[in-house]
N, C-alpha and C. Protein backbone atom coordinates (compact mmCIF):
# COMPACT_ATOMS: atom_id res chain seq x y z
N MET A 1 -29.24 -10.95 -41.97
CA MET A 1 -29.16 -9.58 -41.51
C MET A 1 -29.92 -9.43 -40.20
N ALA A 2 -29.30 -8.80 -39.23
CA ALA A 2 -29.92 -8.62 -37.92
C ALA A 2 -31.06 -7.62 -37.98
N MET A 3 -32.05 -7.86 -37.15
CA MET A 3 -33.19 -6.96 -37.04
C MET A 3 -33.43 -6.69 -35.57
N THR A 4 -33.73 -5.46 -35.23
CA THR A 4 -34.04 -5.11 -33.85
C THR A 4 -35.45 -4.54 -33.78
N GLN A 5 -36.23 -5.05 -32.85
CA GLN A 5 -37.56 -4.54 -32.59
C GLN A 5 -37.63 -4.08 -31.14
N LEU A 6 -38.17 -2.90 -30.94
CA LEU A 6 -38.42 -2.41 -29.59
C LEU A 6 -39.84 -2.77 -29.21
N LEU A 7 -40.04 -3.19 -27.97
CA LEU A 7 -41.36 -3.65 -27.54
C LEU A 7 -41.87 -2.87 -26.34
N LEU A 8 -43.10 -2.49 -26.42
CA LEU A 8 -43.86 -1.99 -25.27
C LEU A 8 -45.07 -2.91 -25.19
N GLU A 9 -45.20 -3.64 -24.10
CA GLU A 9 -46.27 -4.63 -23.98
C GLU A 9 -47.22 -4.28 -22.85
N ASN A 10 -48.50 -4.21 -23.18
CA ASN A 10 -49.57 -4.07 -22.19
C ASN A 10 -49.38 -2.88 -21.24
N TYR A 11 -48.96 -1.77 -21.78
CA TYR A 11 -48.87 -0.54 -21.00
C TYR A 11 -50.29 -0.03 -20.79
N ILE A 12 -50.69 0.15 -19.55
CA ILE A 12 -52.06 0.58 -19.25
C ILE A 12 -52.08 2.11 -19.18
N ALA A 13 -52.83 2.69 -20.12
CA ALA A 13 -52.96 4.14 -20.21
C ALA A 13 -54.40 4.53 -19.93
N GLU A 14 -54.58 5.68 -19.30
CA GLU A 14 -55.90 6.24 -19.09
C GLU A 14 -56.17 7.18 -20.25
N LEU A 15 -56.98 6.72 -21.20
CA LEU A 15 -57.23 7.49 -22.43
C LEU A 15 -58.64 8.05 -22.44
N ARG A 16 -58.75 9.22 -22.99
CA ARG A 16 -60.04 9.85 -23.24
C ARG A 16 -60.41 9.49 -24.67
N ILE A 17 -61.16 8.40 -24.80
CA ILE A 17 -61.41 7.87 -26.13
C ILE A 17 -62.79 7.22 -26.19
N GLY A 18 -63.50 7.47 -27.28
CA GLY A 18 -64.79 6.84 -27.47
C GLY A 18 -65.85 7.81 -27.93
N ILE A 19 -66.94 7.24 -28.43
CA ILE A 19 -68.03 8.06 -28.99
C ILE A 19 -69.25 8.13 -28.07
N HIS A 20 -69.33 7.24 -27.11
CA HIS A 20 -70.51 7.19 -26.24
C HIS A 20 -70.37 8.18 -25.08
N PRO A 21 -71.50 8.68 -24.58
CA PRO A 21 -71.45 9.68 -23.49
C PRO A 21 -70.61 9.24 -22.29
N HIS A 22 -70.72 7.97 -21.87
CA HIS A 22 -69.93 7.52 -20.72
C HIS A 22 -68.44 7.47 -21.04
N GLU A 23 -68.09 7.32 -22.32
CA GLU A 23 -66.68 7.33 -22.72
C GLU A 23 -66.13 8.75 -22.79
N ARG A 24 -67.00 9.68 -23.09
CA ARG A 24 -66.60 11.09 -23.14
C ARG A 24 -66.50 11.70 -21.75
N ALA A 25 -67.23 11.11 -20.78
CA ALA A 25 -67.29 11.67 -19.44
C ALA A 25 -66.02 11.45 -18.62
N ALA A 26 -65.32 10.35 -18.90
CA ALA A 26 -64.15 10.03 -18.08
C ALA A 26 -63.17 9.19 -18.88
N PRO A 27 -61.89 9.27 -18.54
CA PRO A 27 -60.90 8.42 -19.20
C PRO A 27 -61.19 6.94 -18.92
N GLN A 28 -60.70 6.08 -19.80
CA GLN A 28 -60.85 4.65 -19.59
C GLN A 28 -59.51 3.95 -19.77
N ARG A 29 -59.41 2.79 -19.17
CA ARG A 29 -58.16 2.03 -19.24
C ARG A 29 -58.04 1.37 -20.60
N VAL A 30 -56.89 1.60 -21.23
CA VAL A 30 -56.59 0.99 -22.52
C VAL A 30 -55.19 0.37 -22.44
N SER A 31 -55.10 -0.88 -22.86
CA SER A 31 -53.80 -1.55 -22.94
C SER A 31 -53.15 -1.17 -24.28
N VAL A 32 -51.92 -0.69 -24.20
CA VAL A 32 -51.18 -0.26 -25.39
C VAL A 32 -49.97 -1.17 -25.56
N SER A 33 -49.89 -1.82 -26.72
CA SER A 33 -48.72 -2.62 -27.07
C SER A 33 -48.17 -2.13 -28.39
N VAL A 34 -46.86 -1.94 -28.45
CA VAL A 34 -46.21 -1.43 -29.66
C VAL A 34 -44.97 -2.26 -29.96
N THR A 35 -44.85 -2.66 -31.21
CA THR A 35 -43.61 -3.22 -31.72
C THR A 35 -43.09 -2.24 -32.76
N ALA A 36 -41.90 -1.72 -32.54
CA ALA A 36 -41.29 -0.76 -33.47
C ALA A 36 -40.00 -1.37 -34.01
N GLU A 37 -39.99 -1.61 -35.31
CA GLU A 37 -38.80 -2.18 -35.95
C GLU A 37 -37.84 -1.05 -36.33
N LEU A 38 -36.59 -1.22 -35.94
CA LEU A 38 -35.56 -0.23 -36.27
C LEU A 38 -35.04 -0.46 -37.69
N ARG A 39 -34.63 0.60 -38.34
CA ARG A 39 -34.04 0.49 -39.68
C ARG A 39 -32.70 -0.25 -39.63
N ALA A 40 -31.97 -0.06 -38.55
CA ALA A 40 -30.65 -0.70 -38.41
C ALA A 40 -30.48 -1.17 -36.98
N ALA A 41 -29.90 -2.34 -36.83
CA ALA A 41 -29.61 -2.86 -35.50
C ALA A 41 -28.42 -2.09 -34.92
N PRO A 42 -28.47 -1.74 -33.64
CA PRO A 42 -27.34 -1.05 -33.03
C PRO A 42 -26.08 -1.93 -33.04
N HIS A 43 -24.93 -1.32 -33.31
CA HIS A 43 -23.66 -2.05 -33.33
C HIS A 43 -22.84 -1.81 -32.07
N ALA A 44 -23.19 -0.76 -31.35
CA ALA A 44 -22.45 -0.43 -30.12
C ALA A 44 -23.44 -0.22 -28.99
N ASP A 45 -22.95 -0.25 -27.80
CA ASP A 45 -23.77 -0.06 -26.61
C ASP A 45 -23.96 1.43 -26.35
N GLN A 46 -24.59 2.09 -27.31
CA GLN A 46 -24.79 3.54 -27.26
C GLN A 46 -26.24 3.87 -27.59
N ILE A 47 -26.88 4.68 -26.76
CA ILE A 47 -28.27 5.06 -27.00
C ILE A 47 -28.43 5.79 -28.33
N ALA A 48 -27.40 6.46 -28.78
CA ALA A 48 -27.46 7.19 -30.05
C ALA A 48 -27.68 6.24 -31.24
N GLU A 49 -27.39 4.98 -31.07
CA GLU A 49 -27.53 4.02 -32.17
C GLU A 49 -28.92 3.36 -32.21
N THR A 50 -29.77 3.73 -31.27
CA THR A 50 -31.09 3.12 -31.23
C THR A 50 -32.13 4.19 -30.97
N TYR A 51 -33.36 3.77 -30.77
CA TYR A 51 -34.46 4.67 -30.44
C TYR A 51 -34.78 4.46 -28.97
N ASP A 52 -34.84 5.52 -28.21
CA ASP A 52 -35.13 5.40 -26.78
C ASP A 52 -36.60 5.02 -26.61
N TYR A 53 -36.85 3.82 -26.14
CA TYR A 53 -38.22 3.31 -26.04
C TYR A 53 -39.08 4.12 -25.08
N VAL A 54 -38.47 4.89 -24.21
CA VAL A 54 -39.24 5.78 -23.33
C VAL A 54 -40.02 6.78 -24.16
N ASN A 55 -39.52 7.10 -25.37
CA ASN A 55 -40.25 8.01 -26.26
C ASN A 55 -41.60 7.45 -26.66
N ILE A 56 -41.73 6.13 -26.72
CA ILE A 56 -43.03 5.52 -27.06
C ILE A 56 -44.03 5.82 -25.94
N VAL A 57 -43.61 5.60 -24.70
CA VAL A 57 -44.48 5.88 -23.56
C VAL A 57 -44.81 7.37 -23.50
N ASN A 58 -43.82 8.21 -23.73
CA ASN A 58 -44.05 9.66 -23.71
C ASN A 58 -45.07 10.08 -24.75
N ALA A 59 -45.03 9.48 -25.94
CA ALA A 59 -45.99 9.80 -27.00
C ALA A 59 -47.41 9.41 -26.56
N VAL A 60 -47.55 8.24 -25.96
CA VAL A 60 -48.87 7.79 -25.48
C VAL A 60 -49.38 8.75 -24.41
N GLN A 61 -48.53 9.11 -23.47
CA GLN A 61 -48.94 10.02 -22.40
C GLN A 61 -49.33 11.39 -22.92
N GLU A 62 -48.60 11.88 -23.90
CA GLU A 62 -48.92 13.19 -24.49
C GLU A 62 -50.27 13.13 -25.21
N MET A 63 -50.48 12.07 -25.96
CA MET A 63 -51.74 11.92 -26.70
C MET A 63 -52.93 11.71 -25.76
N ALA A 64 -52.68 11.17 -24.57
CA ALA A 64 -53.75 10.91 -23.61
C ALA A 64 -54.36 12.20 -23.06
N LYS A 65 -53.74 13.32 -23.30
CA LYS A 65 -54.24 14.60 -22.79
C LYS A 65 -55.44 15.12 -23.55
N THR A 66 -55.70 14.58 -24.74
CA THR A 66 -56.84 15.05 -25.54
C THR A 66 -57.77 13.88 -25.87
N HIS A 67 -59.02 14.22 -26.16
CA HIS A 67 -60.01 13.19 -26.51
C HIS A 67 -59.92 12.83 -28.00
N MET A 68 -60.07 11.54 -28.28
CA MET A 68 -60.23 11.05 -29.66
C MET A 68 -61.45 10.15 -29.67
N ASP A 69 -62.17 10.17 -30.77
CA ASP A 69 -63.36 9.33 -30.88
C ASP A 69 -63.02 7.85 -31.07
N LEU A 70 -62.01 7.57 -31.87
CA LEU A 70 -61.75 6.20 -32.31
C LEU A 70 -60.37 5.69 -31.90
N LEU A 71 -60.32 4.42 -31.50
CA LEU A 71 -59.03 3.78 -31.27
C LEU A 71 -58.20 3.79 -32.55
N GLU A 72 -58.87 3.62 -33.69
CA GLU A 72 -58.16 3.64 -34.98
C GLU A 72 -57.41 4.95 -35.18
N SER A 73 -58.04 6.05 -34.81
CA SER A 73 -57.40 7.37 -34.94
C SER A 73 -56.22 7.49 -33.99
N PHE A 74 -56.38 7.00 -32.77
CA PHE A 74 -55.28 7.03 -31.80
C PHE A 74 -54.10 6.23 -32.32
N ALA A 75 -54.36 5.03 -32.82
CA ALA A 75 -53.29 4.17 -33.33
C ALA A 75 -52.59 4.81 -34.52
N ARG A 76 -53.37 5.38 -35.43
CA ARG A 76 -52.78 6.02 -36.62
C ARG A 76 -51.89 7.20 -36.23
N GLU A 77 -52.36 8.02 -35.29
CA GLU A 77 -51.58 9.18 -34.84
C GLU A 77 -50.32 8.74 -34.10
N LEU A 78 -50.43 7.72 -33.26
CA LEU A 78 -49.25 7.21 -32.56
C LEU A 78 -48.23 6.68 -33.56
N ALA A 79 -48.70 5.95 -34.56
CA ALA A 79 -47.80 5.44 -35.61
C ALA A 79 -47.09 6.60 -36.31
N ALA A 80 -47.83 7.63 -36.66
CA ALA A 80 -47.24 8.77 -37.36
C ALA A 80 -46.16 9.44 -36.51
N ARG A 81 -46.42 9.58 -35.23
CA ARG A 81 -45.43 10.19 -34.34
C ARG A 81 -44.15 9.35 -34.26
N LEU A 82 -44.32 8.03 -34.15
CA LEU A 82 -43.15 7.16 -34.03
C LEU A 82 -42.38 7.09 -35.35
N LEU A 83 -43.10 6.99 -36.45
CA LEU A 83 -42.45 6.88 -37.76
C LEU A 83 -41.80 8.18 -38.22
N ALA A 84 -42.11 9.27 -37.55
CA ALA A 84 -41.46 10.55 -37.87
C ALA A 84 -39.96 10.50 -37.57
N ASP A 85 -39.57 9.59 -36.69
CA ASP A 85 -38.15 9.41 -36.40
C ASP A 85 -37.57 8.44 -37.44
N LYS A 86 -36.54 8.85 -38.11
CA LYS A 86 -35.94 8.07 -39.20
C LYS A 86 -35.37 6.71 -38.75
N LYS A 87 -35.16 6.55 -37.44
CA LYS A 87 -34.62 5.28 -36.94
C LYS A 87 -35.67 4.16 -36.97
N ILE A 88 -36.95 4.54 -37.02
CA ILE A 88 -38.03 3.56 -36.99
C ILE A 88 -38.46 3.22 -38.41
N LYS A 89 -38.45 1.94 -38.72
CA LYS A 89 -38.82 1.45 -40.05
C LYS A 89 -40.31 1.14 -40.15
N SER A 90 -40.85 0.50 -39.11
CA SER A 90 -42.27 0.13 -39.13
C SER A 90 -42.77 -0.02 -37.70
N VAL A 91 -44.10 0.03 -37.56
CA VAL A 91 -44.72 -0.15 -36.25
C VAL A 91 -45.92 -1.07 -36.36
N ASP A 92 -46.16 -1.78 -35.29
CA ASP A 92 -47.35 -2.62 -35.12
C ASP A 92 -47.92 -2.23 -33.76
N ILE A 93 -49.12 -1.66 -33.77
CA ILE A 93 -49.73 -1.12 -32.56
C ILE A 93 -51.02 -1.86 -32.26
N LYS A 94 -51.17 -2.28 -31.01
CA LYS A 94 -52.41 -2.94 -30.58
C LYS A 94 -52.96 -2.17 -29.39
N LEU A 95 -54.24 -1.78 -29.48
CA LEU A 95 -54.93 -1.07 -28.41
C LEU A 95 -56.14 -1.88 -27.99
N LEU A 96 -56.31 -2.08 -26.69
CA LEU A 96 -57.44 -2.84 -26.17
C LEU A 96 -58.14 -2.05 -25.07
N LYS A 97 -59.45 -1.82 -25.23
CA LYS A 97 -60.25 -1.24 -24.16
C LYS A 97 -60.50 -2.36 -23.15
N LEU A 98 -60.09 -2.12 -21.91
CA LEU A 98 -60.10 -3.20 -20.92
C LEU A 98 -61.42 -3.34 -20.16
N ASP A 99 -62.21 -2.29 -20.08
CA ASP A 99 -63.37 -2.31 -19.19
C ASP A 99 -64.71 -2.15 -19.91
N ILE A 100 -64.75 -2.34 -21.21
CA ILE A 100 -65.98 -2.15 -21.98
C ILE A 100 -66.83 -3.41 -22.01
N LEU A 101 -66.21 -4.54 -22.20
CA LEU A 101 -66.92 -5.80 -22.41
C LEU A 101 -66.64 -6.76 -21.25
N ALA A 102 -67.69 -7.20 -20.58
CA ALA A 102 -67.52 -8.18 -19.51
C ALA A 102 -67.00 -9.48 -20.10
N GLY A 103 -65.90 -9.97 -19.58
CA GLY A 103 -65.36 -11.23 -20.04
C GLY A 103 -64.47 -11.13 -21.26
N GLY A 104 -64.14 -9.92 -21.68
CA GLY A 104 -63.28 -9.80 -22.87
C GLY A 104 -62.78 -8.38 -23.05
N GLN A 105 -62.10 -8.18 -24.14
CA GLN A 105 -61.53 -6.87 -24.47
C GLN A 105 -61.85 -6.55 -25.92
N LEU A 106 -62.05 -5.29 -26.21
CA LEU A 106 -62.29 -4.83 -27.56
C LEU A 106 -61.13 -3.95 -27.98
N GLY A 107 -60.73 -4.03 -29.24
CA GLY A 107 -59.61 -3.20 -29.64
C GLY A 107 -59.35 -3.17 -31.13
N VAL A 108 -58.16 -2.69 -31.43
CA VAL A 108 -57.73 -2.51 -32.80
C VAL A 108 -56.24 -2.79 -32.91
N ARG A 109 -55.84 -3.27 -34.07
CA ARG A 109 -54.42 -3.44 -34.38
C ARG A 109 -54.16 -2.61 -35.62
N TYR A 110 -53.05 -1.84 -35.60
CA TYR A 110 -52.69 -0.96 -36.71
C TYR A 110 -51.22 -1.20 -37.04
N CYS A 111 -50.94 -1.51 -38.30
CA CYS A 111 -49.57 -1.74 -38.75
C CYS A 111 -49.24 -0.73 -39.84
N ALA A 112 -48.05 -0.16 -39.77
CA ALA A 112 -47.64 0.82 -40.78
C ALA A 112 -46.15 0.64 -41.08
N PRO A 113 -45.82 0.66 -42.38
CA PRO A 113 -44.40 0.56 -42.75
C PRO A 113 -43.67 1.86 -42.50
């Protein structure tokens, strides 16, 4: 049986996220990667048969307008927004703070059926 996954890889978003004063003072760069599995693979070359992946970016941009304390909360909320569409079966979300740790990245991975 065919399976289709939509991918957003390493989208750099300016998020207002974190618990520390310097994180609350200004947005920070976060890499957002999403794998969204569709319930059914498209059979025709029609957007109506799939999920428009631009909606994933739009959800991230909309959520970036408000502050959240935790990456975990951001990932959970993003998953809920995407899974609200019946075309999406499951999501795997990875968020990485790019500028917190010298020589590395800190983040979270959230998977939801």
